[in-house]
């Protein structure tokens, strides 16, 4: 999963709220969260959620 970029400024998530929500719901979510964005794709926005020992993909509909 190396095709990631820093999250685009206009497509950012509230990372603290996301981390708070996921804590305890996913294996590894007690670790610090790093969020990056997959650069490709035209329909849904996709993000890499990296907890160090675990990685997840978050998909969301486009903004607007």
C-alpha atoms as a PDB file:
ATOM      1  CA  UNK A   1       0.000   0.000   0.000  1.00  0.00           C
ATOM      2  CA  UNK A   2       2.591   2.506  -1.081  1.00  0.00           C
ATOM      3  CA  UNK A   3       0.477   4.464  -3.567  1.00  0.00           C
ATOM      4  CA  UNK A   4      -0.548   6.998  -0.952  1.00  0.00           C
ATOM      5  CA  UNK A   5      -0.114  10.741  -0.704  1.00  0.00           C
ATOM      6  CA  UNK A   6      -0.623  13.214   2.129  1.00  0.00           C
ATOM      7  CA  UNK A   7      -4.338  13.913   2.520  1.00  0.00           C
ATOM      8  CA  UNK A   8      -5.395  16.712   0.186  1.00  0.00           C
ATOM      9  CA  UNK A   9      -6.279  19.854   2.175  1.00  0.00           C
ATOM     10  CA  UNK A  10      -9.847  20.002   0.861  1.00  0.00           C
ATOM     11  CA  UNK A  11     -10.455  16.278   1.553  1.00  0.00           C
ATOM     12  CA  UNK A  12      -9.179  16.035   5.139  1.00  0.00           C
ATOM     13  CA  UNK A  13     -10.896  14.062   7.861  1.00  0.00           C
ATOM     14  CA  UNK A  14     -11.155  15.012  11.500  1.00  0.00           C
ATOM     15  CA  UNK A  15      -8.441  12.528  12.479  1.00  0.00           C
ATOM     16  CA  UNK A  16      -8.935  12.949  16.219  1.00  0.00           C
ATOM     17  CA  UNK A  17     -12.670  12.246  16.018  1.00  0.00           C
ATOM     18  CA  UNK A  18     -12.007   9.271  13.746  1.00  0.00           C
ATOM     19  CA  UNK A  19      -9.365   7.862  16.113  1.00  0.00           C
ATOM     20  CA  UNK A  20     -11.677   8.356  19.106  1.00  0.00           C
ATOM     21  CA  UNK A  21     -14.539   6.610  17.297  1.00  0.00           C
ATOM     22  CA  UNK A  22     -12.466   3.630  16.119  1.00  0.00           C
ATOM     23  CA  UNK A  23     -10.567   3.117  19.393  1.00  0.00           C
ATOM     24  CA  UNK A  24     -11.455  -0.322  20.707  1.00  0.00           C
ATOM     25  CA  UNK A  25     -13.515  -1.200  17.630  1.00  0.00           C
ATOM     26  CA  UNK A  26     -10.606  -2.363  15.442  1.00  0.00           C
ATOM     27  CA  UNK A  27      -7.582  -4.490  16.310  1.00  0.00           C
ATOM     28  CA  UNK A  28      -4.581  -2.198  16.871  1.00  0.00           C
ATOM     29  CA  UNK A  29      -6.696   0.946  17.227  1.00  0.00           C
ATOM     30  CA  UNK A  30      -5.178   1.660  20.631  1.00  0.00           C
ATOM     31  CA  UNK A  31      -2.009   2.789  18.788  1.00  0.00           C
ATOM     32  CA  UNK A  32      -1.428   6.257  17.262  1.00  0.00           C
ATOM     33  CA  UNK A  33      -3.280   6.771  13.965  1.00  0.00           C
ATOM     34  CA  UNK A  34      -1.661   8.026  10.767  1.00  0.00           C
ATOM     35  CA  UNK A  35      -3.938   8.870   7.828  1.00  0.00           C
ATOM     36  CA  UNK A  36      -2.827   9.055   4.199  1.00  0.00           C
ATOM     37  CA  UNK A  37      -4.852   9.213   1.016  1.00  0.00           C
ATOM     38  CA  UNK A  38      -4.814   7.041  -2.080  1.00  0.00           C
ATOM     39  CA  UNK A  39      -4.125   9.391  -4.982  1.00  0.00           C
ATOM     40  CA  UNK A  40      -6.035   7.560  -7.716  1.00  0.00           C
ATOM     41  CA  UNK A  41      -9.710   7.006  -8.227  1.00  0.00           C
ATOM     42  CA  UNK A  42     -12.414   9.287  -9.467  1.00  0.00           C
ATOM     43  CA  UNK A  43     -15.518   8.315  -7.530  1.00  0.00           C
ATOM     44  CA  UNK A  44     -14.957   7.567  -3.845  1.00  0.00           C
ATOM     45  CA  UNK A  45     -12.267   9.072  -1.639  1.00  0.00           C
ATOM     46  CA  UNK A  46     -10.066   6.378  -0.104  1.00  0.00           C
ATOM     47  CA  UNK A  47      -7.762   6.721   2.869  1.00  0.00           C
ATOM     48  CA  UNK A  48      -5.136   4.480   4.435  1.00  0.00           C
ATOM     49  CA  UNK A  49      -5.548   4.259   8.206  1.00  0.00           C
ATOM     50  CA  UNK A  50      -2.235   3.104   9.652  1.00  0.00           C
ATOM     51  CA  UNK A  51      -1.938   2.058  13.287  1.00  0.00           C
ATOM     52  CA  UNK A  52       1.614   0.735  12.889  1.00  0.00           C
ATOM     53  CA  UNK A  53       0.771  -2.933  13.393  1.00  0.00           C
ATOM     54  CA  UNK A  54      -2.542  -2.802  11.506  1.00  0.00           C
ATOM     55  CA  UNK A  55      -3.662  -1.003   8.360  1.00  0.00           C
ATOM     56  CA  UNK A  56      -7.189  -0.353   7.123  1.00  0.00           C
ATOM     57  CA  UNK A  57      -8.786   1.348   4.137  1.00  0.00           C
ATOM     58  CA  UNK A  58     -11.565   3.881   4.658  1.00  0.00           C
ATOM     59  CA  UNK A  59     -13.787   4.666   1.686  1.00  0.00           C
ATOM     60  CA  UNK A  60     -16.179   7.590   1.622  1.00  0.00           C
ATOM     61  CA  UNK A  61     -18.361   9.243  -1.009  1.00  0.00           C
ATOM     62  CA  UNK A  62     -17.064  12.363  -2.741  1.00  0.00           C
ATOM     63  CA  UNK A  63     -17.601  15.704  -1.066  1.00  0.00           C
ATOM     64  CA  UNK A  64     -20.467  17.846  -2.273  1.00  0.00           C
END
